[in-house]
Amino acid sequence: MTERIVRSGDVRLWSEALGDPAHPPLLLIAGGNQSSRAWPRDFVDRLTSHGLRVIRYDHRDTGRSTVRDFAAHPYTYTELTRDAVAVLDAHDIPAAHVVTMSMGTIMGQLLALDHPGRLLSLTLMLGGGLDVDFDGNIERLFKGEASADGLPLPGPALLDAVELMSQPVDGAGAEIDRRVERSRIFSGGQVPFDADEFRRWEQDAADHAGTATEATAHHMLPSHPRERAPELAQVRVPTQVVQALNDLIAPPPHGRHLAGLIPGARLVEIPGMGHALPGAVHAPLAEAITAHVLSPRPQGER
């Protein structure tokens, strides 16, 4: 394992690389308010066992990266996307296979638009197209309004998760417990859920950050640049979209819609998977990622 502190503008980002340095590099980009630990070590080890060198990092304002008051130090998705490029630079990686989830899927699409030369391939999961107003859709869900674009809103269980996380708790143990319960809600109930497994991962995230208090800065991000979605038609990076069929945040057919924005993108559907990474989905997910990363490309294509 190689740990590195990455300079990106005026912030420092914690990162690590695992696996054989001679193997193809795979950068993991986590979701909103998530540190590198959103990618469980069990899952990372599965990827490295498939012959990949995995790099994961803490978003700014999470984990061991720079944490500041957002109002005093605001930023946008553009800066978050540059952070990912800075991580590659710090690990001396000219180009990498990139896997994103949730909020990271917006960053993945912006990487493909603004930094295509840094991508060998792209896997987008647990998220939606650059043209989707997810912030507005969550607000519509709260208000009981209909979708504005014909794509489904997040599932009603999201309201249960928000209510859960809005209640005060007493102590770090109770905070870990409710984060586990939120993961149970997000997992959707169609695949086995091991609470002890998630408790171990949440405790690892808390230990890594030095606090059980969860990051919240990314809730204050300005909306992503939806007007740039038409540019995705020019993307030539080999792209795979993973649709979790029981995803609470981006339910079907969000994945199919996203794949349709990028020429040649392939869609992989994982039955039962929700908006979480329980051990029960690690094998099919790792197989889908590895197959995409290691698939032969025509000569001249990355």
C-alpha atoms as a PDB file:
ATOM      1  CA  MET A   1       0.000   0.000   0.000  1.00  0.00           C
ATOM      2  CA  THR A   2       1.267   3.479  -0.922  1.00  0.00           C
ATOM      3  CA  GLU A   3      -0.202   6.500   0.869  1.00  0.00           C
ATOM      4  CA  ARG A   4       0.215   9.949  -0.643  1.00  0.00           C
ATOM      5  CA  ILE A   5      -0.931  13.422   0.274  1.00  0.00           C
ATOM      6  CA  VAL A   6      -2.039  15.194  -2.888  1.00  0.00           C
ATOM      7  CA  ARG A   7      -1.957  18.941  -3.438  1.00  0.00           C
ATOM      8  CA  SER A   8      -4.946  20.209  -5.442  1.00  0.00           C
ATOM      9  CA  GLY A   9      -5.082  23.984  -5.513  1.00  0.00           C
ATOM     10  CA  ASP A  10      -5.121  25.089  -1.889  1.00  0.00           C
ATOM     11  CA  VAL A  11      -6.313  21.785  -0.412  1.00  0.00           C
ATOM     12  CA  ARG A  12      -4.606  18.540   0.471  1.00  0.00           C
ATOM     13  CA  LEU A  13      -6.179  15.196  -0.372  1.00  0.00           C
ATOM     14  CA  TRP A  14      -5.381  11.896   1.286  1.00  0.00           C
ATOM     15  CA  SER A  15      -4.947   8.972  -1.118  1.00  0.00           C
ATOM     16  CA  GLU A  16      -3.633   5.443  -1.299  1.00  0.00           C
ATOM     17  CA  ALA A  17      -2.754   2.902  -3.967  1.00  0.00           C
ATOM     18  CA  LEU A  18      -3.173  -0.842  -3.436  1.00  0.00           C
ATOM     19  CA  GLY A  19      -2.097  -3.722  -5.614  1.00  0.00           C
ATOM     20  CA  ASP A  20       0.812  -4.385  -7.951  1.00  0.00           C
ATOM     21  CA  PRO A  21       2.138  -1.127  -9.491  1.00  0.00           C
ATOM     22  CA  ALA A  22       2.652  -3.035 -12.744  1.00  0.00           C
ATOM     23  CA  HIS A  23      -1.076  -3.767 -13.069  1.00  0.00           C
ATOM     24  CA  PRO A  24      -3.581  -1.499 -14.885  1.00  0.00           C
ATOM     25  CA  PRO A  25      -4.444   1.534 -12.697  1.00  0.00           C
ATOM     26  CA  LEU A  26      -8.034   1.921 -11.516  1.00  0.00           C
ATOM     27  CA  LEU A  27      -9.147   5.140  -9.818  1.00  0.00           C
ATOM     28  CA  LEU A  28     -12.215   4.916  -7.563  1.00  0.00           C
ATOM     29  CA  ILE A  29     -14.271   8.102  -7.080  1.00  0.00           C
ATOM     30  CA  ALA A  30     -16.733   8.004  -4.186  1.00  0.00           C
ATOM     31  CA  GLY A  31     -20.098   9.686  -3.717  1.00  0.00           C
ATOM     32  CA  GLY A  32     -21.060  12.904  -1.976  1.00  0.00           C
ATOM     33  CA  ASN A  33     -19.727  13.444   1.559  1.00  0.00           C
ATOM     34  CA  GLN A  34     -17.937  10.098   1.331  1.00  0.00           C
ATOM     35  CA  SER A  35     -14.290   9.385   1.969  1.00  0.00           C
ATOM     36  CA  SER A  36     -12.193   6.679   0.374  1.00  0.00           C
ATOM     37  CA  ARG A  37     -13.761   4.248   2.850  1.00  0.00           C
ATOM     38  CA  ALA A  38     -17.007   4.309   0.873  1.00  0.00           C
ATOM     39  CA  TRP A  39     -15.150   1.691  -1.177  1.00  0.00           C
ATOM     40  CA  PRO A  40     -14.849  -1.133   1.396  1.00  0.00           C
ATOM     41  CA  ARG A  41     -11.416  -2.704   1.651  1.00  0.00           C
ATOM     42  CA  ASP A  42     -13.040  -6.091   1.002  1.00  0.00           C
ATOM     43  CA  PHE A  43     -14.207  -4.810  -2.384  1.00  0.00           C
ATOM     44  CA  VAL A  44     -10.877  -3.147  -3.153  1.00  0.00           C
ATOM     45  CA  ASP A  45      -9.041  -6.393  -2.360  1.00  0.00           C
ATOM     46  CA  ARG A  46     -11.332  -8.234  -4.748  1.00  0.00           C
ATOM     47  CA  LEU A  47     -10.391  -5.782  -7.510  1.00  0.00           C
ATOM     48  CA  THR A  48      -6.670  -6.086  -6.835  1.00  0.00           C
ATOM     49  CA  SER A  49      -6.999  -9.885  -6.868  1.00  0.00           C
ATOM     50  CA  HIS A  50      -8.370  -9.514 -10.410  1.00  0.00           C
ATOM     51  CA  GLY A  51      -5.105  -7.919 -11.496  1.00  0.00           C
ATOM     52  CA  LEU A  52      -5.794  -4.203 -10.992  1.00  0.00           C
ATOM     53  CA  ARG A  53      -3.895  -1.504  -9.134  1.00  0.00           C
ATOM     54  CA  VAL A  54      -6.544   0.421  -7.191  1.00  0.00           C
ATOM     55  CA  ILE A  55      -6.286   4.048  -6.111  1.00  0.00           C
ATOM     56  CA  ARG A  56      -8.862   5.517  -3.732  1.00  0.00           C
ATOM     57  CA  TYR A  57      -8.880   8.929  -2.085  1.00  0.00           C
ATOM     58  CA  ASP A  58     -10.769  11.175   0.310  1.00  0.00           C
ATOM     59  CA  HIS A  59     -12.795  13.926  -1.330  1.00  0.00           C
ATOM     60  CA  ARG A  60     -12.044  17.378   0.037  1.00  0.00           C
ATOM     61  CA  ASP A  61     -14.020  17.956   3.250  1.00  0.00           C
ATOM     62  CA  THR A  62     -14.029  14.222   4.035  1.00  0.00           C
ATOM     63  CA  GLY A  63     -11.749  11.734   5.759  1.00  0.00           C
ATOM     64  CA  ARG A  64      -8.158  12.917   6.175  1.00  0.00           C
ATOM     65  CA  SER A  65      -8.319  15.488   3.392  1.00  0.00           C
ATOM     66  CA  THR A  66      -8.590  19.232   4.048  1.00  0.00           C
ATOM     67  CA  VAL A  67     -11.819  20.045   5.874  1.00  0.00           C
ATOM     68  CA  ARG A  68     -12.955  23.686   5.943  1.00  0.00           C
ATOM     69  CA  ASP A  69     -16.064  25.793   6.277  1.00  0.00           C
ATOM     70  CA  PHE A  70     -17.791  25.557   2.900  1.00  0.00           C
ATOM     71  CA  ALA A  71     -19.288  29.043   3.081  1.00  0.00           C
ATOM     72  CA  ALA A  72     -15.814  30.527   3.503  1.00  0.00           C
ATOM     73  CA  HIS A  73     -14.188  28.206   0.947  1.00  0.00           C
ATOM     74  CA  PRO A  74     -16.824  27.298  -1.667  1.00  0.00           C
ATOM     75  CA  TYR A  75     -16.136  25.140  -4.707  1.00  0.00           C
ATOM     76  CA  THR A  76     -17.959  23.448  -7.563  1.00  0.00           C
ATOM     77  CA  TYR A  77     -17.977  20.135  -9.387  1.00  0.00           C
ATOM     78  CA  THR A  78     -15.210  21.534 -11.568  1.00  0.00           C
ATOM     79  CA  GLU A  79     -12.829  21.725  -8.594  1.00  0.00           C
ATOM     80  CA  LEU A  80     -13.864  18.264  -7.401  1.00  0.00           C
ATOM     81  CA  THR A  81     -13.125  16.891 -10.864  1.00  0.00           C
ATOM     82  CA  ARG A  82      -9.701  18.550 -10.880  1.00  0.00           C
ATOM     83  CA  ASP A  83      -9.043  16.854  -7.543  1.00  0.00           C
ATOM     84  CA  ALA A  84      -9.323  13.473  -9.271  1.00  0.00           C
ATOM     85  CA  VAL A  85      -6.787  14.568 -11.888  1.00  0.00           C
ATOM     86  CA  ALA A  86      -4.457  15.766  -9.132  1.00  0.00           C
ATOM     87  CA  VAL A  87      -4.620  12.321  -7.524  1.00  0.00           C
ATOM     88  CA  LEU A  88      -3.530  10.708 -10.800  1.00  0.00           C
ATOM     89  CA  ASP A  89      -0.694  13.223 -11.102  1.00  0.00           C
ATOM     90  CA  ALA A  90       0.516  12.516  -7.572  1.00  0.00           C
ATOM     91  CA  HIS A  91       0.628   8.792  -8.255  1.00  0.00           C
ATOM     92  CA  ASP A  92       2.456   9.328 -11.574  1.00  0.00           C
ATOM     93  CA  ILE A  93      -0.417   7.890 -13.596  1.00  0.00           C
ATOM     94  CA  PRO A  94      -0.810   9.443 -17.071  1.00  0.00           C
ATOM     95  CA  ALA A  95      -4.190   7.762 -17.628  1.00  0.00           C
ATOM     96  CA  ALA A  96      -6.355   5.373 -15.626  1.00  0.00           C
ATOM     97  CA  HIS A  97      -9.508   3.325 -15.726  1.00  0.00           C
ATOM     98  CA  VAL A  98     -12.020   5.246 -13.602  1.00  0.00           C
ATOM     99  CA  VAL A  99     -14.971   3.892 -11.611  1.00  0.00           C
ATOM    100  CA  THR A 100     -17.442   6.278  -9.997  1.00  0.00           C
ATOM    101  CA  MET A 101     -20.531   6.030  -7.857  1.00  0.00           C
ATOM    102  CA  SER A 102     -23.383   8.368  -6.940  1.00  0.00           C
ATOM    103  CA  MET A 103     -22.127  11.988  -6.942  1.00  0.00           C
ATOM    104  CA  GLY A 104     -18.880  10.704  -8.405  1.00  0.00           C
ATOM    105  CA  THR A 105     -20.800   9.809 -11.561  1.00  0.00           C
ATOM    106  CA  ILE A 106     -21.195  13.531 -12.293  1.00  0.00           C
ATOM    107  CA  MET A 107     -17.439  13.895 -11.868  1.00  0.00           C
ATOM    108  CA  GLY A 108     -16.856  10.943 -14.176  1.00  0.00           C
ATOM    109  CA  GLN A 109     -18.853  12.592 -16.935  1.00  0.00           C
ATOM    110  CA  LEU A 110     -16.969  15.866 -16.450  1.00  0.00           C
ATOM    111  CA  LEU A 111     -13.667  13.985 -16.590  1.00  0.00           C
ATOM    112  CA  ALA A 112     -14.725  12.516 -19.928  1.00  0.00           C
ATOM    113  CA  LEU A 113     -15.547  16.011 -21.212  1.00  0.00           C
ATOM    114  CA  ASP A 114     -12.633  18.015 -19.815  1.00  0.00           C
ATOM    115  CA  HIS A 115      -9.842  15.474 -19.303  1.00  0.00           C
ATOM    116  CA  PRO A 116     -10.479  12.618 -21.778  1.00  0.00           C
ATOM    117  CA  GLY A 117      -6.777  11.944 -22.193  1.00  0.00           C
ATOM    118  CA  ARG A 118      -6.566  10.881 -18.544  1.00  0.00           C
ATOM    119  CA  LEU A 119      -9.143   8.102 -18.985  1.00  0.00           C
ATOM    120  CA  LEU A 120      -8.466   4.603 -20.286  1.00  0.00           C
ATOM    121  CA  SER A 121     -12.075   3.624 -19.596  1.00  0.00           C
ATOM    122  CA  LEU A 122     -14.989   4.816 -17.518  1.00  0.00           C
ATOM    123  CA  THR A 123     -17.513   2.936 -15.378  1.00  0.00           C
ATOM    124  CA  LEU A 124     -20.427   4.989 -14.028  1.00  0.00           C
ATOM    125  CA  MET A 125     -22.712   3.530 -11.377  1.00  0.00           C
ATOM    126  CA  LEU A 126     -25.393   4.535  -8.868  1.00  0.00           C
ATOM    127  CA  GLY A 127     -25.893   7.851 -10.628  1.00  0.00           C
ATOM    128  CA  GLY A 128     -27.575   9.507 -13.574  1.00  0.00           C
ATOM    129  CA  GLY A 129     -27.019  11.612 -16.625  1.00  0.00           C
ATOM    130  CA  LEU A 130     -25.458  15.037 -16.562  1.00  0.00           C
ATOM    131  CA  ASP A 131     -28.779  16.439 -17.776  1.00  0.00           C
ATOM    132  CA  VAL A 132     -30.792  15.166 -14.797  1.00  0.00           C
ATOM    133  CA  ASP A 133     -31.798  17.646 -12.088  1.00  0.00           C
ATOM    134  CA  PHE A 134     -31.244  15.379  -9.098  1.00  0.00           C
ATOM    135  CA  ASP A 135     -31.400  18.209  -6.569  1.00  0.00           C
ATOM    136  CA  GLY A 136     -34.727  19.296  -8.010  1.00  0.00           C
ATOM    137  CA  ASN A 137     -35.977  15.711  -8.111  1.00  0.00           C
ATOM    138  CA  ILE A 138     -35.278  15.250  -4.412  1.00  0.00           C
ATOM    139  CA  GLU A 139     -37.181  18.465  -3.720  1.00  0.00           C
ATOM    140  CA  ARG A 140     -40.067  17.202  -5.876  1.00  0.00           C
ATOM    141  CA  LEU A 141     -40.106  13.979  -3.877  1.00  0.00           C
ATOM    142  CA  PHE A 142     -40.415  15.940  -0.638  1.00  0.00           C
ATOM    143  CA  LYS A 143     -43.229  18.040  -2.083  1.00  0.00           C
ATOM    144  CA  GLY A 144     -45.050  15.089  -3.615  1.00  0.00           C
ATOM    145  CA  GLU A 145     -44.676  16.522  -7.119  1.00  0.00           C
ATOM    146  CA  ALA A 146     -44.231  14.615 -10.370  1.00  0.00           C
ATOM    147  CA  SER A 147     -41.002  14.195 -12.299  1.00  0.00           C
ATOM    148  CA  ALA A 148     -40.223  17.073 -14.653  1.00  0.00           C
ATOM    149  CA  ASP A 149     -38.280  15.018 -17.215  1.00  0.00           C
ATOM    150  CA  GLY A 150     -40.146  11.714 -17.346  1.00  0.00           C
ATOM    151  CA  LEU A 151     -37.436   9.841 -15.449  1.00  0.00           C
ATOM    152  CA  PRO A 152     -38.417   8.428 -12.056  1.00  0.00           C
ATOM    153  CA  LEU A 153     -37.827  10.406  -8.893  1.00  0.00           C
ATOM    154  CA  PRO A 154     -35.850   8.849  -6.039  1.00  0.00           C
ATOM    155  CA  GLY A 155     -37.830   6.233  -4.143  1.00  0.00           C
ATOM    156  CA  PRO A 156     -39.994   7.252  -1.170  1.00  0.00           C
ATOM    157  CA  ALA A 157     -37.717   5.338   1.203  1.00  0.00           C
ATOM    158  CA  LEU A 158     -35.237   8.198   0.757  1.00  0.00           C
ATOM    159  CA  LEU A 159     -37.559  10.220   2.997  1.00  0.00           C
ATOM    160  CA  ASP A 160     -37.124   7.576   5.700  1.00  0.00           C
ATOM    161  CA  ALA A 161     -33.340   7.834   5.398  1.00  0.00           C
ATOM    162  CA  VAL A 162     -33.417  11.628   5.608  1.00  0.00           C
ATOM    163  CA  GLU A 163     -35.663  11.492   8.671  1.00  0.00           C
ATOM    164  CA  LEU A 164     -33.361   8.939  10.292  1.00  0.00           C
ATOM    165  CA  MET A 165     -30.266  11.094   9.783  1.00  0.00           C
ATOM    166  CA  SER A 166     -32.019  14.244  10.995  1.00  0.00           C
ATOM    167  CA  GLN A 167     -32.685  12.822  14.473  1.00  0.00           C
ATOM    168  CA  PRO A 168     -30.143  13.626  17.205  1.00  0.00           C
ATOM    169  CA  VAL A 169     -28.095  10.738  18.558  1.00  0.00           C
ATOM    170  CA  ASP A 170     -25.994  10.350  21.685  1.00  0.00           C
ATOM    171  CA  GLY A 171     -22.425   9.259  21.107  1.00  0.00           C
ATOM    172  CA  ALA A 172     -20.252   7.775  18.378  1.00  0.00           C
ATOM    173  CA  GLY A 173     -21.723   4.297  18.743  1.00  0.00           C
ATOM    174  CA  ALA A 174     -25.247   5.545  18.117  1.00  0.00           C
ATOM    175  CA  GLU A 175     -24.012   7.511  15.115  1.00  0.00           C
ATOM    176  CA  ILE A 176     -22.441   4.382  13.634  1.00  0.00           C
ATOM    177  CA  ASP A 177     -25.646   2.440  14.303  1.00  0.00           C
ATOM    178  CA  ARG A 178     -27.833   4.879  12.419  1.00  0.00           C
ATOM    179  CA  ARG A 179     -25.402   4.993   9.495  1.00  0.00           C
ATOM    180  CA  VAL A 180     -25.704   1.223   9.319  1.00  0.00           C
ATOM    181  CA  GLU A 181     -29.491   1.540   9.359  1.00  0.00           C
ATOM    182  CA  ARG A 182     -29.326   4.095   6.553  1.00  0.00           C
ATOM    183  CA  SER A 183     -27.269   1.631   4.518  1.00  0.00           C
ATOM    184  CA  ARG A 184     -29.952  -0.972   5.170  1.00  0.00           C
ATOM    185  CA  ILE A 185     -32.547   1.408   3.711  1.00  0.00           C
ATOM    186  CA  PHE A 186     -30.354   2.255   0.735  1.00  0.00           C
ATOM    187  CA  SER A 187     -29.590  -1.417   0.066  1.00  0.00           C
ATOM    188  CA  GLY A 188     -33.271  -1.908  -0.702  1.00  0.00           C
ATOM    189  CA  GLY A 189     -33.952  -5.278   0.896  1.00  0.00           C
ATOM    190  CA  GLN A 190     -33.541  -7.478  -2.185  1.00  0.00           C
ATOM    191  CA  VAL A 191     -30.023  -8.743  -1.475  1.00  0.00           C
ATOM    192  CA  PRO A 192     -28.675 -10.050   1.853  1.00  0.00           C
ATOM    193  CA  PHE A 193     -27.758  -7.258   4.259  1.00  0.00           C
ATOM    194  CA  ASP A 194     -25.113  -7.979   6.899  1.00  0.00           C
ATOM    195  CA  ALA A 195     -25.347  -5.293   9.580  1.00  0.00           C
ATOM    196  CA  ASP A 196     -22.078  -6.395  11.196  1.00  0.00           C
ATOM    197  CA  GLU A 197     -20.321  -6.039   7.852  1.00  0.00           C
ATOM    198  CA  PHE A 198     -21.560  -2.490   7.417  1.00  0.00           C
ATOM    199  CA  ARG A 199     -20.812  -1.639  11.047  1.00  0.00           C
ATOM    200  CA  ARG A 200     -17.211  -2.720  10.488  1.00  0.00           C
ATOM    201  CA  TRP A 201     -16.967  -0.531   7.370  1.00  0.00           C
ATOM    202  CA  GLU A 202     -18.578   2.465   9.059  1.00  0.00           C
ATOM    203  CA  GLN A 203     -16.246   2.107  12.039  1.00  0.00           C
ATOM    204  CA  ASP A 204     -13.305   1.966   9.637  1.00  0.00           C
ATOM    205  CA  ALA A 205     -14.514   5.204   8.018  1.00  0.00           C
ATOM    206  CA  ALA A 206     -14.864   6.881  11.413  1.00  0.00           C
ATOM    207  CA  ASP A 207     -11.442   5.689  12.566  1.00  0.00           C
ATOM    208  CA  HIS A 208      -9.899   6.846   9.301  1.00  0.00           C
ATOM    209  CA  ALA A 209     -11.423  10.329   9.638  1.00  0.00           C
ATOM    210  CA  GLY A 210     -10.810  10.544  13.372  1.00  0.00           C
ATOM    211  CA  THR A 211     -14.479  11.288  14.011  1.00  0.00           C
ATOM    212  CA  ALA A 212     -17.850   9.586  13.732  1.00  0.00           C
ATOM    213  CA  THR A 213     -19.438  12.894  12.712  1.00  0.00           C
ATOM    214  CA  GLU A 214     -20.399  12.637   9.074  1.00  0.00           C
ATOM    215  CA  ALA A 215     -19.273  15.153   6.450  1.00  0.00           C
ATOM    216  CA  THR A 216     -21.995  17.434   5.072  1.00  0.00           C
ATOM    217  CA  ALA A 217     -20.173  20.017   2.906  1.00  0.00           C
ATOM    218  CA  HIS A 218     -21.193  18.473  -0.403  1.00  0.00           C
ATOM    219  CA  HIS A 219     -24.844  19.158   0.365  1.00  0.00           C
ATOM    220  CA  MET A 220     -23.963  22.814  -0.271  1.00  0.00           C
ATOM    221  CA  LEU A 221     -22.462  22.301  -3.711  1.00  0.00           C
ATOM    222  CA  PRO A 222     -24.023  24.369  -6.492  1.00  0.00           C
ATOM    223  CA  SER A 223     -25.969  22.286  -8.991  1.00  0.00           C
ATOM    224  CA  HIS A 224     -23.862  20.463 -11.555  1.00  0.00           C
ATOM    225  CA  PRO A 225     -23.654  21.927 -15.109  1.00  0.00           C
ATOM    226  CA  ARG A 226     -26.640  20.223 -16.729  1.00  0.00           C
ATOM    227  CA  GLU A 227     -26.279  22.422 -19.806  1.00  0.00           C
ATOM    228  CA  ARG A 228     -23.140  20.487 -20.750  1.00  0.00           C
ATOM    229  CA  ALA A 229     -24.964  17.185 -21.261  1.00  0.00           C
ATOM    230  CA  PRO A 230     -25.126  17.533 -25.094  1.00  0.00           C
ATOM    231  CA  GLU A 231     -21.312  17.508 -25.132  1.00  0.00           C
ATOM    232  CA  LEU A 232     -21.387  13.877 -24.000  1.00  0.00           C
ATOM    233  CA  ALA A 233     -22.294  12.941 -27.580  1.00  0.00           C
ATOM    234  CA  GLN A 234     -18.658  13.669 -28.468  1.00  0.00           C
ATOM    235  CA  VAL A 235     -17.146  11.406 -25.806  1.00  0.00           C
ATOM    236  CA  ARG A 236     -15.026   8.552 -27.165  1.00  0.00           C
ATOM    237  CA  VAL A 237     -13.849   7.060 -23.875  1.00  0.00           C
ATOM    238  CA  PRO A 238     -14.976   3.403 -23.607  1.00  0.00           C
ATOM    239  CA  THR A 239     -17.822   3.703 -21.114  1.00  0.00           C
ATOM    240  CA  GLN A 240     -19.874   1.274 -19.076  1.00  0.00           C
ATOM    241  CA  VAL A 241     -22.938   2.208 -17.034  1.00  0.00           C
ATOM    242  CA  VAL A 242     -23.921  -0.028 -14.115  1.00  0.00           C
ATOM    243  CA  GLN A 243     -27.615   0.119 -13.252  1.00  0.00           C
ATOM    244  CA  ALA A 244     -28.468  -1.200  -9.816  1.00  0.00           C
ATOM    245  CA  LEU A 245     -31.967  -2.464 -10.426  1.00  0.00           C
ATOM    246  CA  ASN A 246     -33.101  -1.571  -6.900  1.00  0.00           C
ATOM    247  CA  ASP A 247     -31.310   1.788  -6.704  1.00  0.00           C
ATOM    248  CA  LEU A 248     -33.218   4.154  -4.437  1.00  0.00           C
ATOM    249  CA  ILE A 249     -31.614   7.335  -5.796  1.00  0.00           C
ATOM    250  CA  ALA A 250     -31.275   6.593  -9.528  1.00  0.00           C
ATOM    251  CA  PRO A 251     -33.793   3.824 -10.263  1.00  0.00           C
ATOM    252  CA  PRO A 252     -34.218   2.312 -13.729  1.00  0.00           C
ATOM    253  CA  PRO A 253     -34.201   3.543 -16.406  1.00  0.00           C
ATOM    254  CA  HIS A 254     -31.700   6.209 -15.250  1.00  0.00           C
ATOM    255  CA  GLY A 255     -28.822   3.930 -16.217  1.00  0.00           C
ATOM    256  CA  ARG A 256     -30.208   3.342 -19.697  1.00  0.00           C
ATOM    257  CA  HIS A 257     -30.739   7.084 -20.111  1.00  0.00           C
ATOM    258  CA  LEU A 258     -27.155   7.801 -19.065  1.00  0.00           C
ATOM    259  CA  ALA A 259     -25.756   5.148 -21.399  1.00  0.00           C
ATOM    260  CA  GLY A 260     -27.729   6.711 -24.229  1.00  0.00           C
ATOM    261  CA  LEU A 261     -25.910  10.024 -23.763  1.00  0.00           C
ATOM    262  CA  ILE A 262     -22.467   8.546 -24.508  1.00  0.00           C
ATOM    263  CA  PRO A 263     -21.755   6.901 -27.876  1.00  0.00           C
ATOM    264  CA  GLY A 264     -21.047   3.204 -27.578  1.00  0.00           C
ATOM    265  CA  ALA A 265     -21.669   3.047 -23.831  1.00  0.00           C
ATOM    266  CA  ARG A 266     -22.746  -0.383 -22.637  1.00  0.00           C
ATOM    267  CA  LEU A 267     -25.302  -0.969 -19.905  1.00  0.00           C
ATOM    268  CA  VAL A 268     -24.870  -3.632 -17.221  1.00  0.00           C
ATOM    269  CA  GLU A 269     -27.743  -4.323 -14.835  1.00  0.00           C
ATOM    270  CA  ILE A 270     -27.194  -5.920 -11.418  1.00  0.00           C
ATOM    271  CA  PRO A 271     -30.376  -7.516 -10.038  1.00  0.00           C
ATOM    272  CA  GLY A 272     -31.317  -6.673  -6.464  1.00  0.00           C
ATOM    273  CA  MET A 273     -28.540  -4.131  -5.979  1.00  0.00           C
ATOM    274  CA  GLY A 274     -29.542  -0.878  -4.290  1.00  0.00           C
ATOM    275  CA  HIS A 275     -27.700   2.362  -3.629  1.00  0.00           C
ATOM    276  CA  ALA A 276     -25.040   0.669  -1.514  1.00  0.00           C
ATOM    277  CA  LEU A 277     -22.193  -1.853  -1.735  1.00  0.00           C
ATOM    278  CA  PRO A 278     -23.078  -4.819   0.494  1.00  0.00           C
ATOM    279  CA  GLY A 279     -20.797  -7.815   0.247  1.00  0.00           C
ATOM    280  CA  ALA A 280     -23.545  -9.693  -1.597  1.00  0.00           C
ATOM    281  CA  VAL A 281     -22.963  -7.560  -4.728  1.00  0.00           C
ATOM    282  CA  HIS A 282     -19.172  -7.372  -4.612  1.00  0.00           C
ATOM    283  CA  ALA A 283     -18.594 -10.367  -6.884  1.00  0.00           C
ATOM    284  CA  PRO A 284     -20.904  -9.397  -9.781  1.00  0.00           C
ATOM    285  CA  LEU A 285     -19.853  -5.760  -9.524  1.00  0.00           C
ATOM    286  CA  ALA A 286     -16.130  -6.578  -9.557  1.00  0.00           C
ATOM    287  CA  GLU A 287     -16.653  -8.932 -12.481  1.00  0.00           C
ATOM    288  CA  ALA A 288     -18.466  -6.235 -14.465  1.00  0.00           C
ATOM    289  CA  ILE A 289     -15.731  -3.689 -13.758  1.00  0.00           C
ATOM    290  CA  THR A 290     -12.898  -6.084 -14.529  1.00  0.00           C
ATOM    291  CA  ALA A 291     -14.494  -7.292 -17.752  1.00  0.00           C
ATOM    292  CA  HIS A 292     -14.823  -3.707 -18.954  1.00  0.00           C
ATOM    293  CA  VAL A 293     -11.331  -2.660 -17.881  1.00  0.00           C
ATOM    294  CA  LEU A 294      -9.556  -5.681 -19.331  1.00  0.00           C
ATOM    295  CA  SER A 295     -11.641  -6.127 -22.481  1.00  0.00           C
ATOM    296  CA  PRO A 296      -9.619  -5.969 -25.705  1.00  0.00           C
ATOM    297  CA  ARG A 297      -9.882  -2.666 -27.570  1.00  0.00           C
ATOM    298  CA  PRO A 298      -9.518  -2.148 -31.311  1.00  0.00           C
ATOM    299  CA  GLN A 299      -6.049  -0.969 -32.276  1.00  0.00           C
ATOM    300  CA  GLY A 300      -5.742   2.750 -31.668  1.00  0.00           C
ATOM    301  CA  GLU A 301      -8.568   2.786 -29.088  1.00  0.00           C
ATOM    302  CA  ARG A 302      -7.759   3.150 -25.421  1.00  0.00           C
END
